[in-house]
């Protein structure tokens, strides 16, 4: 069995190394009965619709405060701005 995954990583998927080997053999010899689907490349989508870029200017001190808050919360600036705006739109019944 040649896998780069540790037993712990396999366990997260609910599989053991011998199960991976069995599935691989079935797939390679054409007897695999399971689903085959396209695996998307890249980041997962965060919305079901197209995203557009919105830019605006703000004071440098506010941009620094935003960056620091995002770091403190473990989020990106974009995610922090989006979630804050979503909350405001929901509160004001625009969502």
C-alpha atoms as a PDB file:
ATOM      1  CA  UNK A   1       0.000   0.000   0.000  1.00  0.00           C
ATOM      2  CA  UNK A   2       1.500   3.307  -1.067  1.00  0.00           C
ATOM      3  CA  UNK A   3      -0.347   6.257   0.410  1.00  0.00           C
ATOM      4  CA  UNK A   4       0.926   9.565   1.682  1.00  0.00           C
ATOM      5  CA  UNK A   5      -1.896   9.668   4.226  1.00  0.00           C
ATOM      6  CA  UNK A   6      -1.376   8.697   7.846  1.00  0.00           C
ATOM      7  CA  UNK A   7      -3.816   6.298   9.543  1.00  0.00           C
ATOM      8  CA  UNK A   8      -5.267   9.308  11.388  1.00  0.00           C
ATOM      9  CA  UNK A   9      -5.904  11.144   8.100  1.00  0.00           C
ATOM     10  CA  UNK A  10      -7.501   8.033   6.609  1.00  0.00           C
ATOM     11  CA  UNK A  11      -9.691   7.679   9.704  1.00  0.00           C
ATOM     12  CA  UNK A  12     -11.084  11.178   9.112  1.00  0.00           C
ATOM     13  CA  UNK A  13     -12.459   9.842   5.837  1.00  0.00           C
ATOM     14  CA  UNK A  14     -13.730   6.696   7.565  1.00  0.00           C
ATOM     15  CA  UNK A  15     -11.276   4.462   5.712  1.00  0.00           C
ATOM     16  CA  UNK A  16      -8.420   2.130   6.529  1.00  0.00           C
ATOM     17  CA  UNK A  17      -5.353   1.619   4.334  1.00  0.00           C
ATOM     18  CA  UNK A  18      -6.550  -1.816   3.154  1.00  0.00           C
ATOM     19  CA  UNK A  19      -9.900  -0.308   2.097  1.00  0.00           C
ATOM     20  CA  UNK A  20      -8.093   2.303  -0.028  1.00  0.00           C
ATOM     21  CA  UNK A  21      -6.057  -0.460  -1.672  1.00  0.00           C
ATOM     22  CA  UNK A  22      -9.191  -2.504  -2.390  1.00  0.00           C
ATOM     23  CA  UNK A  23     -11.008   0.480  -3.887  1.00  0.00           C
ATOM     24  CA  UNK A  24      -7.961   1.342  -6.015  1.00  0.00           C
ATOM     25  CA  UNK A  25      -7.737  -2.209  -7.371  1.00  0.00           C
ATOM     26  CA  UNK A  26     -11.448  -2.231  -8.258  1.00  0.00           C
ATOM     27  CA  UNK A  27     -11.140   1.095 -10.039  1.00  0.00           C
ATOM     28  CA  UNK A  28      -8.024   0.060 -11.933  1.00  0.00           C
ATOM     29  CA  UNK A  29      -9.454  -3.273 -13.116  1.00  0.00           C
ATOM     30  CA  UNK A  30     -12.808  -1.767 -14.117  1.00  0.00           C
ATOM     31  CA  UNK A  31     -15.022  -3.377 -11.470  1.00  0.00           C
ATOM     32  CA  UNK A  32     -15.571  -0.236  -9.364  1.00  0.00           C
ATOM     33  CA  UNK A  33     -19.307   0.257  -8.745  1.00  0.00           C
ATOM     34  CA  UNK A  34     -19.019   3.485  -6.776  1.00  0.00           C
ATOM     35  CA  UNK A  35     -19.607   6.986  -8.085  1.00  0.00           C
ATOM     36  CA  UNK A  36     -17.026   8.821 -10.133  1.00  0.00           C
ATOM     37  CA  UNK A  37     -17.348  12.565 -10.109  1.00  0.00           C
ATOM     38  CA  UNK A  38     -15.319  15.564 -11.091  1.00  0.00           C
ATOM     39  CA  UNK A  39     -13.242  16.987  -8.253  1.00  0.00           C
ATOM     40  CA  UNK A  40     -13.162  20.773  -8.490  1.00  0.00           C
ATOM     41  CA  UNK A  41      -9.757  22.371  -8.361  1.00  0.00           C
ATOM     42  CA  UNK A  42      -9.152  25.435  -6.250  1.00  0.00           C
ATOM     43  CA  UNK A  43     -10.888  27.005  -3.323  1.00  0.00           C
ATOM     44  CA  UNK A  44     -14.423  25.914  -2.540  1.00  0.00           C
ATOM     45  CA  UNK A  45     -17.114  28.400  -3.484  1.00  0.00           C
ATOM     46  CA  UNK A  46     -18.353  30.481  -0.580  1.00  0.00           C
ATOM     47  CA  UNK A  47     -21.546  31.628  -2.309  1.00  0.00           C
ATOM     48  CA  UNK A  48     -23.884  30.070  -4.854  1.00  0.00           C
ATOM     49  CA  UNK A  49     -23.638  33.119  -7.088  1.00  0.00           C
ATOM     50  CA  UNK A  50     -20.878  34.984  -8.844  1.00  0.00           C
ATOM     51  CA  UNK A  51     -18.822  37.317  -6.682  1.00  0.00           C
ATOM     52  CA  UNK A  52     -17.957  40.815  -7.862  1.00  0.00           C
ATOM     53  CA  UNK A  53     -15.165  43.047  -6.645  1.00  0.00           C
ATOM     54  CA  UNK A  54     -16.161  46.151  -4.729  1.00  0.00           C
ATOM     55  CA  UNK A  55     -13.441  48.570  -3.719  1.00  0.00           C
ATOM     56  CA  UNK A  56     -13.522  51.708  -1.646  1.00  0.00           C
ATOM     57  CA  UNK A  57     -11.142  54.059   0.077  1.00  0.00           C
ATOM     58  CA  UNK A  58     -10.764  54.349   3.830  1.00  0.00           C
ATOM     59  CA  UNK A  59      -8.379  56.106   6.202  1.00  0.00           C
ATOM     60  CA  UNK A  60      -5.097  54.294   6.681  1.00  0.00           C
ATOM     61  CA  UNK A  61      -5.708  54.016  10.445  1.00  0.00           C
ATOM     62  CA  UNK A  62      -9.044  52.240   9.826  1.00  0.00           C
ATOM     63  CA  UNK A  63      -7.418  49.866   7.322  1.00  0.00           C
ATOM     64  CA  UNK A  64      -4.782  49.002   9.927  1.00  0.00           C
ATOM     65  CA  UNK A  65      -7.450  48.468  12.602  1.00  0.00           C
ATOM     66  CA  UNK A  66      -9.385  46.232  10.183  1.00  0.00           C
ATOM     67  CA  UNK A  67      -6.284  44.144   9.463  1.00  0.00           C
ATOM     68  CA  UNK A  68      -5.519  43.795  13.175  1.00  0.00           C
ATOM     69  CA  UNK A  69      -9.086  42.776  14.026  1.00  0.00           C
ATOM     70  CA  UNK A  70      -9.160  40.236  11.204  1.00  0.00           C
ATOM     71  CA  UNK A  71      -5.880  38.734  12.445  1.00  0.00           C
ATOM     72  CA  UNK A  72      -7.164  38.642  16.028  1.00  0.00           C
ATOM     73  CA  UNK A  73     -10.313  36.813  14.893  1.00  0.00           C
ATOM     74  CA  UNK A  74      -8.372  34.475  12.590  1.00  0.00           C
ATOM     75  CA  UNK A  75     -10.273  35.650   9.516  1.00  0.00           C
ATOM     76  CA  UNK A  76      -9.373  37.410   6.303  1.00  0.00           C
ATOM     77  CA  UNK A  77     -10.254  41.070   5.863  1.00  0.00           C
ATOM     78  CA  UNK A  78     -12.623  40.153   3.045  1.00  0.00           C
ATOM     79  CA  UNK A  79     -14.436  37.570   5.161  1.00  0.00           C
ATOM     80  CA  UNK A  80     -14.721  40.003   8.054  1.00  0.00           C
ATOM     81  CA  UNK A  81     -16.116  42.774   5.824  1.00  0.00           C
ATOM     82  CA  UNK A  82     -18.517  40.368   4.048  1.00  0.00           C
ATOM     83  CA  UNK A  83     -19.913  38.913   7.279  1.00  0.00           C
ATOM     84  CA  UNK A  84     -20.298  42.349   8.870  1.00  0.00           C
ATOM     85  CA  UNK A  85     -22.120  43.628   5.801  1.00  0.00           C
ATOM     86  CA  UNK A  86     -24.321  40.500   5.692  1.00  0.00           C
ATOM     87  CA  UNK A  87     -25.274  41.091   9.334  1.00  0.00           C
ATOM     88  CA  UNK A  88     -26.154  44.734   8.638  1.00  0.00           C
ATOM     89  CA  UNK A  89     -28.180  43.868   5.517  1.00  0.00           C
ATOM     90  CA  UNK A  90     -30.094  41.192   7.445  1.00  0.00           C
ATOM     91  CA  UNK A  91     -30.749  43.572  10.323  1.00  0.00           C
ATOM     92  CA  UNK A  92     -32.046  46.238   7.953  1.00  0.00           C
ATOM     93  CA  UNK A  93     -34.110  43.637   5.983  1.00  0.00           C
ATOM     94  CA  UNK A  94     -32.134  44.003   2.750  1.00  0.00           C
ATOM     95  CA  UNK A  95     -30.844  40.433   2.688  1.00  0.00           C
END
